[in-house]
Amino acid sequence: MPRGFGRLVKARIFVTLKPGVLDPQGQAIARALGSLGFEGVSGVRQGKLIELELTQSDAEQARAEVETMCEKLLANTVIERYAIELEG
């Protein structure tokens, strides 16, 4: 951990498309799974996972900082939603 900073907080951000938003990658995954013999798979939605390490001594402040990151850069909040998990 860098000197002069608080404890290390790990953040995981899960970004997925909002319900009702077309997910062509999810549809391609479902078709590919079907062609590989995995029948009965439907409603596939894909997303992304972003992991961050923050030097922060206050969990509430860390969450607020990550929320701001999501709103400004990490998620397109018009079509995507996000969930944050903090550890540490």
PDB file of N, CA and C in Angstrom:
ATOM      1  N   MET A   1       0.850  -1.172   0.000  1.00  0.00           N
ATOM      2  CA  MET A   1       0.000   0.000   0.000  1.00  0.00           C
ATOM      3  C   MET A   1       0.897   1.237   0.000  1.00  0.00           C
ATOM      4  N   PRO A   2       0.589   2.241  -0.834  1.00  0.00           N
ATOM      5  CA  PRO A   2       1.389   3.446  -0.864  1.00  0.00           C
ATOM      6  C   PRO A   2       1.383   4.142   0.486  1.00  0.00           C
ATOM      7  N   ARG A   3       2.512   4.752   0.846  1.00  0.00           N
ATOM      8  CA  ARG A   3       2.617   5.455   2.118  1.00  0.00           C
ATOM      9  C   ARG A   3       1.733   6.691   2.130  1.00  0.00           C
ATOM     10  N   GLY A   4       1.198   7.013   3.309  1.00  0.00           N
ATOM     11  CA  GLY A   4       0.431   8.223   3.465  1.00  0.00           C
ATOM     12  C   GLY A   4      -1.029   8.105   3.061  1.00  0.00           C
ATOM     13  N   PHE A   5      -1.464   6.922   2.728  1.00  0.00           N
ATOM     14  CA  PHE A   5      -2.851   6.738   2.318  1.00  0.00           C
ATOM     15  C   PHE A   5      -3.557   5.824   3.302  1.00  0.00           C
ATOM     16  N   GLY A   6      -4.863   5.755   3.192  1.00  0.00           N
ATOM     17  CA  GLY A   6      -5.660   4.880   4.043  1.00  0.00           C
ATOM     18  C   GLY A   6      -5.532   3.435   3.611  1.00  0.00           C
ATOM     19  N   ARG A   7      -6.417   2.632   4.167  1.00  0.00           N
ATOM     20  CA  ARG A   7      -6.406   1.207   3.825  1.00  0.00           C
ATOM     21  C   ARG A   7      -6.817   1.009   2.369  1.00  0.00           C
ATOM     22  N   LEU A   8      -6.495  -0.142   1.857  1.00  0.00           N
ATOM     23  CA  LEU A   8      -6.822  -0.470   0.473  1.00  0.00           C
ATOM     24  C   LEU A   8      -8.235  -1.021   0.411  1.00  0.00           C
ATOM     25  N   VAL A   9      -9.058  -0.428  -0.428  1.00  0.00           N
ATOM     26  CA  VAL A   9     -10.432  -0.876  -0.643  1.00  0.00           C
ATOM     27  C   VAL A   9     -10.528  -1.377  -2.071  1.00  0.00           C
ATOM     28  N   LYS A  10     -11.042  -2.593  -2.239  1.00  0.00           N
ATOM     29  CA  LYS A  10     -11.260  -3.132  -3.573  1.00  0.00           C
ATOM     30  C   LYS A  10     -12.711  -2.906  -3.948  1.00  0.00           C
ATOM     31  N   ALA A  11     -12.913  -2.414  -5.153  1.00  0.00           N
ATOM     32  CA  ALA A  11     -14.273  -2.190  -5.646  1.00  0.00           C
ATOM     33  C   ALA A  11     -14.474  -3.028  -6.898  1.00  0.00           C
ATOM     34  N   ARG A  12     -15.627  -3.676  -6.956  1.00  0.00           N
ATOM     35  CA  ARG A  12     -16.042  -4.392  -8.161  1.00  0.00           C
ATOM     36  C   ARG A  12     -17.302  -3.709  -8.665  1.00  0.00           C
ATOM     37  N   ILE A  13     -17.274  -3.340  -9.946  1.00  0.00           N
ATOM     38  CA  ILE A  13     -18.426  -2.701 -10.559  1.00  0.00           C
ATOM     39  C   ILE A  13     -18.934  -3.615 -11.661  1.00  0.00           C
ATOM     40  N   PHE A  14     -20.190  -4.005 -11.553  1.00  0.00           N
ATOM     41  CA  PHE A  14     -20.835  -4.840 -12.562  1.00  0.00           C
ATOM     42  C   PHE A  14     -21.725  -3.926 -13.395  1.00  0.00           C
ATOM     43  N   VAL A  15     -21.438  -3.848 -14.686  1.00  0.00           N
ATOM     44  CA  VAL A  15     -22.200  -2.984 -15.588  1.00  0.00           C
ATOM     45  C   VAL A  15     -22.972  -3.875 -16.557  1.00  0.00           C
ATOM     46  N   THR A  16     -24.287  -3.690 -16.608  1.00  0.00           N
ATOM     47  CA  THR A  16     -25.133  -4.467 -17.514  1.00  0.00           C
ATOM     48  C   THR A  16     -26.124  -3.535 -18.204  1.00  0.00           C
ATOM     49  N   LEU A  17     -26.645  -4.000 -19.323  1.00  0.00           N
ATOM     50  CA  LEU A  17     -27.657  -3.224 -20.028  1.00  0.00           C
ATOM     51  C   LEU A  17     -28.951  -3.223 -19.223  1.00  0.00           C
ATOM     52  N   LYS A  18     -29.666  -2.118 -19.290  1.00  0.00           N
ATOM     53  CA  LYS A  18     -30.957  -2.034 -18.622  1.00  0.00           C
ATOM     54  C   LYS A  18     -31.947  -2.973 -19.309  1.00  0.00           C
ATOM     55  N   PRO A  19     -32.947  -3.455 -18.562  1.00  0.00           N
ATOM     56  CA  PRO A  19     -33.980  -4.294 -19.184  1.00  0.00           C
ATOM     57  C   PRO A  19     -34.625  -3.541 -20.346  1.00  0.00           C
ATOM     58  N   GLY A  20     -34.897  -4.257 -21.415  1.00  0.00           N
ATOM     59  CA  GLY A  20     -35.528  -3.663 -22.585  1.00  0.00           C
ATOM     60  C   GLY A  20     -34.559  -3.119 -23.618  1.00  0.00           C
ATOM     61  N   VAL A  21     -33.277  -2.998 -23.247  1.00  0.00           N
ATOM     62  CA  VAL A  21     -32.267  -2.534 -24.206  1.00  0.00           C
ATOM     63  C   VAL A  21     -31.766  -3.745 -24.977  1.00  0.00           C
ATOM     64  N   LEU A  22     -31.776  -3.652 -26.294  1.00  0.00           N
ATOM     65  CA  LEU A  22     -31.322  -4.747 -27.152  1.00  0.00           C
ATOM     66  C   LEU A  22     -29.887  -5.131 -26.817  1.00  0.00           C
ATOM     67  N   ASP A  23     -29.623  -6.430 -26.710  1.00  0.00           N
ATOM     68  CA  ASP A  23     -28.291  -6.942 -26.382  1.00  0.00           C
ATOM     69  C   ASP A  23     -27.838  -7.901 -27.485  1.00  0.00           C
ATOM     70  N   PRO A  24     -27.281  -7.379 -28.592  1.00  0.00           N
ATOM     71  CA  PRO A  24     -26.867  -8.253 -29.691  1.00  0.00           C
ATOM     72  C   PRO A  24     -25.781  -9.250 -29.288  1.00  0.00           C
ATOM     73  N   GLN A  25     -24.890  -8.867 -28.385  1.00  0.00           N
ATOM     74  CA  GLN A  25     -23.860  -9.819 -27.948  1.00  0.00           C
ATOM     75  C   GLN A  25     -24.489 -10.959 -27.153  1.00  0.00           C
ATOM     76  N   GLY A  26     -25.456 -10.646 -26.316  1.00  0.00           N
ATOM     77  CA  GLY A  26     -26.156 -11.682 -25.570  1.00  0.00           C
ATOM     78  C   GLY A  26     -26.874 -12.642 -26.501  1.00  0.00           C
ATOM     79  N   GLN A  27     -27.498 -12.094 -27.556  1.00  0.00           N
ATOM     80  CA  GLN A  27     -28.182 -12.944 -28.538  1.00  0.00           C
ATOM     81  C   GLN A  27     -27.181 -13.836 -29.271  1.00  0.00           C
ATOM     82  N   ALA A  28     -26.012 -13.292 -29.622  1.00  0.00           N
ATOM     83  CA  ALA A  28     -24.971 -14.090 -30.297  1.00  0.00           C
ATOM     84  C   ALA A  28     -24.474 -15.206 -29.383  1.00  0.00           C
ATOM     85  N   ILE A  29     -24.319 -14.918 -28.108  1.00  0.00           N
ATOM     86  CA  ILE A  29     -23.884 -15.939 -27.148  1.00  0.00           C
ATOM     87  C   ILE A  29     -24.929 -17.042 -27.059  1.00  0.00           C
ATOM     88  N   ALA A  30     -26.199 -16.657 -26.990  1.00  0.00           N
ATOM     89  CA  ALA A  30     -27.271 -17.661 -26.911  1.00  0.00           C
ATOM     90  C   ALA A  30     -27.273 -18.557 -28.142  1.00  0.00           C
ATOM     91  N   ARG A  31     -27.118 -17.963 -29.334  1.00  0.00           N
ATOM     92  CA  ARG A  31     -27.077 -18.765 -30.566  1.00  0.00           C
ATOM     93  C   ARG A  31     -25.865 -19.700 -30.565  1.00  0.00           C
ATOM     94  N   ALA A  32     -24.715 -19.189 -30.157  1.00  0.00           N
ATOM     95  CA  ALA A  32     -23.500 -20.009 -30.135  1.00  0.00           C
ATOM     96  C   ALA A  32     -23.638 -21.170 -29.158  1.00  0.00           C
ATOM     97  N   LEU A  33     -24.223 -20.903 -27.993  1.00  0.00           N
ATOM     98  CA  LEU A  33     -24.433 -21.982 -27.026  1.00  0.00           C
ATOM     99  C   LEU A  33     -25.360 -23.040 -27.604  1.00  0.00           C
ATOM    100  N   GLY A  34     -26.416 -22.609 -28.290  1.00  0.00           N
ATOM    101  CA  GLY A  34     -27.331 -23.555 -28.930  1.00  0.00           C
ATOM    102  C   GLY A  34     -26.631 -24.401 -29.973  1.00  0.00           C
ATOM    103  N   SER A  35     -25.751 -23.774 -30.769  1.00  0.00           N
ATOM    104  CA  SER A  35     -25.037 -24.528 -31.811  1.00  0.00           C
ATOM    105  C   SER A  35     -24.020 -25.498 -31.216  1.00  0.00           C
ATOM    106  N   LEU A  36     -23.630 -25.267 -29.970  1.00  0.00           N
ATOM    107  CA  LEU A  36     -22.709 -26.182 -29.283  1.00  0.00           C
ATOM    108  C   LEU A  36     -23.446 -27.274 -28.514  1.00  0.00           C
ATOM    109  N   GLY A  37     -24.769 -27.286 -28.649  1.00  0.00           N
ATOM    110  CA  GLY A  37     -25.548 -28.350 -28.012  1.00  0.00           C
ATOM    111  C   GLY A  37     -26.134 -27.972 -26.665  1.00  0.00           C
ATOM    112  N   PHE A  38     -25.962 -26.746 -26.236  1.00  0.00           N
ATOM    113  CA  PHE A  38     -26.539 -26.309 -24.963  1.00  0.00           C
ATOM    114  C   PHE A  38     -27.934 -25.755 -25.236  1.00  0.00           C
ATOM    115  N   GLU A  39     -28.883 -26.658 -25.355  1.00  0.00           N
ATOM    116  CA  GLU A  39     -30.261 -26.274 -25.652  1.00  0.00           C
ATOM    117  C   GLU A  39     -30.937 -25.730 -24.397  1.00  0.00           C
ATOM    118  N   GLY A  40     -31.978 -24.982 -24.594  1.00  0.00           N
ATOM    119  CA  GLY A  40     -32.737 -24.467 -23.456  1.00  0.00           C
ATOM    120  C   GLY A  40     -32.145 -23.219 -22.832  1.00  0.00           C
ATOM    121  N   VAL A  41     -31.151 -22.604 -23.474  1.00  0.00           N
ATOM    122  CA  VAL A  41     -30.571 -21.372 -22.952  1.00  0.00           C
ATOM    123  C   VAL A  41     -31.229 -20.204 -23.673  1.00  0.00           C
ATOM    124  N   SER A  42     -31.791 -19.292 -22.912  1.00  0.00           N
ATOM    125  CA  SER A  42     -32.407 -18.113 -23.521  1.00  0.00           C
ATOM    126  C   SER A  42     -32.225 -16.927 -22.582  1.00  0.00           C
ATOM    127  N   GLY A  43     -32.543 -15.762 -23.081  1.00  0.00           N
ATOM    128  CA  GLY A  43     -32.455 -14.570 -22.236  1.00  0.00           C
ATOM    129  C   GLY A  43     -31.044 -14.246 -21.801  1.00  0.00           C
ATOM    130  N   VAL A  44     -30.059 -14.506 -22.650  1.00  0.00           N
ATOM    131  CA  VAL A  44     -28.661 -14.237 -22.292  1.00  0.00           C
ATOM    132  C   VAL A  44     -28.415 -12.733 -22.355  1.00  0.00           C
ATOM    133  N   ARG A  45     -27.856 -12.189 -21.294  1.00  0.00           N
ATOM    134  CA  ARG A  45     -27.452 -10.788 -21.229  1.00  0.00           C
ATOM    135  C   ARG A  45     -25.982 -10.769 -20.849  1.00  0.00           C
ATOM    136  N   GLN A  46     -25.218  -9.980 -21.534  1.00  0.00           N
ATOM    137  CA  GLN A  46     -23.805  -9.896 -21.198  1.00  0.00           C
ATOM    138  C   GLN A  46     -23.508  -8.529 -20.619  1.00  0.00           C
ATOM    139  N   GLY A  47     -22.418  -8.426 -19.890  1.00  0.00           N
ATOM    140  CA  GLY A  47     -22.025  -7.168 -19.272  1.00  0.00           C
ATOM    141  C   GLY A  47     -20.533  -7.115 -19.098  1.00  0.00           C
ATOM    142  N   LYS A  48     -20.104  -6.242 -18.206  1.00  0.00           N
ATOM    143  CA  LYS A  48     -18.669  -6.141 -17.941  1.00  0.00           C
ATOM    144  C   LYS A  48     -18.435  -5.981 -16.446  1.00  0.00           C
ATOM    145  N   LEU A  49     -17.250  -6.400 -16.032  1.00  0.00           N
ATOM    146  CA  LEU A  49     -16.811  -6.293 -14.651  1.00  0.00           C
ATOM    147  C   LEU A  49     -15.590  -5.389 -14.633  1.00  0.00           C
ATOM    148  N   ILE A  50     -15.623  -4.395 -13.778  1.00  0.00           N
ATOM    149  CA  ILE A  50     -14.485  -3.500 -13.610  1.00  0.00           C
ATOM    150  C   ILE A  50     -14.023  -3.621 -12.162  1.00  0.00           C
ATOM    151  N   GLU A  51     -12.737  -3.863 -11.953  1.00  0.00           N
ATOM    152  CA  GLU A  51     -12.184  -3.951 -10.607  1.00  0.00           C
ATOM    153  C   GLU A  51     -11.236  -2.786 -10.382  1.00  0.00           C
ATOM    154  N   LEU A  52     -11.392  -2.147  -9.241  1.00  0.00           N
ATOM    155  CA  LEU A  52     -10.553  -1.012  -8.871  1.00  0.00           C
ATOM    156  C   LEU A  52      -9.973  -1.242  -7.485  1.00  0.00           C
ATOM    157  N   GLU A  53      -8.798  -0.680  -7.237  1.00  0.00           N
ATOM    158  CA  GLU A  53      -8.239  -0.639  -5.893  1.00  0.00           C
ATOM    159  C   GLU A  53      -8.109   0.827  -5.512  1.00  0.00           C
ATOM    160  N   LEU A  54      -8.689   1.175  -4.380  1.00  0.00           N
ATOM    161  CA  LEU A  54      -8.679   2.546  -3.906  1.00  0.00           C
ATOM    162  C   LEU A  54      -7.982   2.610  -2.556  1.00  0.00           C
ATOM    163  N   THR A  55      -7.239   3.651  -2.333  1.00  0.00           N
ATOM    164  CA  THR A  55      -6.700   3.878  -0.994  1.00  0.00           C
ATOM    165  C   THR A  55      -7.629   4.869  -0.322  1.00  0.00           C
ATOM    166  N   GLN A  56      -8.428   4.343   0.561  1.00  0.00           N
ATOM    167  CA  GLN A  56      -9.492   5.125   1.169  1.00  0.00           C
ATOM    168  C   GLN A  56      -9.733   4.601   2.576  1.00  0.00           C
ATOM    169  N   SER A  57      -9.876   5.493   3.533  1.00  0.00           N
ATOM    170  CA  SER A  57     -10.066   5.051   4.912  1.00  0.00           C
ATOM    171  C   SER A  57     -11.543   4.967   5.297  1.00  0.00           C
ATOM    172  N   ASP A  58     -12.412   5.553   4.499  1.00  0.00           N
ATOM    173  CA  ASP A  58     -13.827   5.589   4.816  1.00  0.00           C
ATOM    174  C   ASP A  58     -14.628   4.864   3.732  1.00  0.00           C
ATOM    175  N   ALA A  59     -15.352   3.815   4.116  1.00  0.00           N
ATOM    176  CA  ALA A  59     -16.098   3.007   3.142  1.00  0.00           C
ATOM    177  C   ALA A  59     -17.184   3.816   2.444  1.00  0.00           C
ATOM    178  N   GLU A  60     -17.880   4.677   3.187  1.00  0.00           N
ATOM    179  CA  GLU A  60     -18.931   5.486   2.573  1.00  0.00           C
ATOM    180  C   GLU A  60     -18.353   6.452   1.546  1.00  0.00           C
ATOM    181  N   GLN A  61     -17.206   7.019   1.862  1.00  0.00           N
ATOM    182  CA  GLN A  61     -16.544   7.928   0.935  1.00  0.00           C
ATOM    183  C   GLN A  61     -16.053   7.164  -0.300  1.00  0.00           C
ATOM    184  N   ALA A  62     -15.538   5.948  -0.103  1.00  0.00           N
ATOM    185  CA  ALA A  62     -15.086   5.118  -1.225  1.00  0.00           C
ATOM    186  C   ALA A  62     -16.254   4.801  -2.147  1.00  0.00           C
ATOM    187  N   ARG A  63     -17.394   4.425  -1.564  1.00  0.00           N
ATOM    188  CA  ARG A  63     -18.582   4.113  -2.369  1.00  0.00           C
ATOM    189  C   ARG A  63     -19.040   5.349  -3.146  1.00  0.00           C
ATOM    190  N   ALA A  64     -19.046   6.495  -2.508  1.00  0.00           N
ATOM    191  CA  ALA A  64     -19.460   7.730  -3.178  1.00  0.00           C
ATOM    192  C   ALA A  64     -18.520   8.059  -4.335  1.00  0.00           C
ATOM    193  N   GLU A  65     -17.234   7.834  -4.132  1.00  0.00           N
ATOM    194  CA  GLU A  65     -16.250   8.093  -5.189  1.00  0.00           C
ATOM    195  C   GLU A  65     -16.464   7.150  -6.376  1.00  0.00           C
ATOM    196  N   VAL A  66     -16.702   5.876  -6.097  1.00  0.00           N
ATOM    197  CA  VAL A  66     -16.938   4.903  -7.160  1.00  0.00           C
ATOM    198  C   VAL A  66     -18.250   5.219  -7.887  1.00  0.00           C
ATOM    199  N   GLU A  67     -19.275   5.626  -7.141  1.00  0.00           N
ATOM    200  CA  GLU A  67     -20.544   6.026  -7.769  1.00  0.00           C
ATOM    201  C   GLU A  67     -20.309   7.162  -8.766  1.00  0.00           C
ATOM    202  N   THR A  68     -19.516   8.143  -8.363  1.00  0.00           N
ATOM    203  CA  THR A  68     -19.206   9.268  -9.253  1.00  0.00           C
ATOM    204  C   THR A  68     -18.453   8.789 -10.481  1.00  0.00           C
ATOM    205  N   MET A  69     -17.514   7.865 -10.299  1.00  0.00           N
ATOM    206  CA  MET A  69     -16.770   7.304 -11.436  1.00  0.00           C
ATOM    207  C   MET A  69     -17.734   6.628 -12.418  1.00  0.00           C
ATOM    208  N   CYS A  70     -18.688   5.884 -11.872  1.00  0.00           N
ATOM    209  CA  CYS A  70     -19.663   5.188 -12.717  1.00  0.00           C
ATOM    210  C   CYS A  70     -20.517   6.178 -13.490  1.00  0.00           C
ATOM    211  N   GLU A  71     -20.992   7.194 -12.800  1.00  0.00           N
ATOM    212  CA  GLU A  71     -21.868   8.183 -13.425  1.00  0.00           C
ATOM    213  C   GLU A  71     -21.144   8.994 -14.506  1.00  0.00           C
ATOM    214  N   LYS A  72     -19.850   9.247 -14.289  1.00  0.00           N
ATOM    215  CA  LYS A  72     -19.100  10.092 -15.224  1.00  0.00           C
ATOM    216  C   LYS A  72     -18.413   9.331 -16.345  1.00  0.00           C
ATOM    217  N   LEU A  73     -18.038   8.052 -16.104  1.00  0.00           N
ATOM    218  CA  LEU A  73     -17.217   7.356 -17.092  1.00  0.00           C
ATOM    219  C   LEU A  73     -17.523   5.874 -17.268  1.00  0.00           C
ATOM    220  N   LEU A  74     -17.649   5.152 -16.191  1.00  0.00           N
ATOM    221  CA  LEU A  74     -17.638   3.693 -16.282  1.00  0.00           C
ATOM    222  C   LEU A  74     -18.920   3.079 -16.830  1.00  0.00           C
ATOM    223  N   ALA A  75     -20.040   3.773 -16.726  1.00  0.00           N
ATOM    224  CA  ALA A  75     -21.314   3.252 -17.229  1.00  0.00           C
ATOM    225  C   ALA A  75     -22.021   4.337 -18.036  1.00  0.00           C
ATOM    226  N   ASN A  76     -22.668   3.912 -19.100  1.00  0.00           N
ATOM    227  CA  ASN A  76     -23.536   4.808 -19.857  1.00  0.00           C
ATOM    228  C   ASN A  76     -24.917   4.679 -19.230  1.00  0.00           C
ATOM    229  N   THR A  77     -25.224   5.571 -18.304  1.00  0.00           N
ATOM    230  CA  THR A  77     -26.424   5.409 -17.487  1.00  0.00           C
ATOM    231  C   THR A  77     -27.731   5.588 -18.259  1.00  0.00           C
ATOM    232  N   VAL A  78     -27.657   5.975 -19.517  1.00  0.00           N
ATOM    233  CA  VAL A  78     -28.860   6.035 -20.340  1.00  0.00           C
ATOM    234  C   VAL A  78     -29.332   4.619 -20.658  1.00  0.00           C
ATOM    235  N   ILE A  79     -28.379   3.713 -20.951  1.00  0.00           N
ATOM    236  CA  ILE A  79     -28.739   2.354 -21.346  1.00  0.00           C
ATOM    237  C   ILE A  79     -28.189   1.274 -20.422  1.00  0.00           C
ATOM    238  N   GLU A  80     -27.343   1.654 -19.474  1.00  0.00           N
ATOM    239  CA  GLU A  80     -26.718   0.664 -18.594  1.00  0.00           C
ATOM    240  C   GLU A  80     -27.040   0.968 -17.132  1.00  0.00           C
ATOM    241  N   ARG A  81     -27.016  -0.095 -16.341  1.00  0.00           N
ATOM    242  CA  ARG A  81     -27.109   0.034 -14.893  1.00  0.00           C
ATOM    243  C   ARG A  81     -25.837  -0.569 -14.303  1.00  0.00           C
ATOM    244  N   TYR A  82     -25.557  -0.253 -13.055  1.00  0.00           N
ATOM    245  CA  TYR A  82     -24.351  -0.772 -12.432  1.00  0.00           C
ATOM    246  C   TYR A  82     -24.629  -1.141 -10.984  1.00  0.00           C
ATOM    247  N   ALA A  83     -23.812  -2.065 -10.496  1.00  0.00           N
ATOM    248  CA  ALA A  83     -23.868  -2.475  -9.097  1.00  0.00           C
ATOM    249  C   ALA A  83     -22.443  -2.450  -8.572  1.00  0.00           C
ATOM    250  N   ILE A  84     -22.286  -1.993  -7.343  1.00  0.00           N
ATOM    251  CA  ILE A  84     -20.959  -1.837  -6.748  1.00  0.00           C
ATOM    252  C   ILE A  84     -20.837  -2.774  -5.546  1.00  0.00           C
ATOM    253  N   GLU A  85     -19.704  -3.471  -5.468  1.00  0.00           N
ATOM    254  CA  GLU A  85     -19.356  -4.268  -4.292  1.00  0.00           C
ATOM    255  C   GLU A  85     -18.032  -3.727  -3.774  1.00  0.00           C
ATOM    256  N   LEU A  86     -17.945  -3.479  -2.470  1.00  0.00           N
ATOM    257  CA  LEU A  86     -16.709  -3.030  -1.850  1.00  0.00           C
ATOM    258  C   LEU A  86     -16.190  -4.097  -0.905  1.00  0.00           C
ATOM    259  N   GLU A  87     -14.877  -4.201  -0.841  1.00  0.00           N
ATOM    260  CA  GLU A  87     -14.226  -5.172   0.040  1.00  0.00           C
ATOM    261  C   GLU A  87     -13.019  -4.503   0.670  1.00  0.00           C
ATOM    262  N   GLY A  88     -12.870  -4.663   1.956  1.00  0.00           N
ATOM    263  CA  GLY A  88     -11.667  -4.150   2.610  1.00  0.00           C
ATOM    264  C   GLY A  88     -11.878  -2.973   3.492  1.00  0.00           C
TER     265      GLY A  88
END
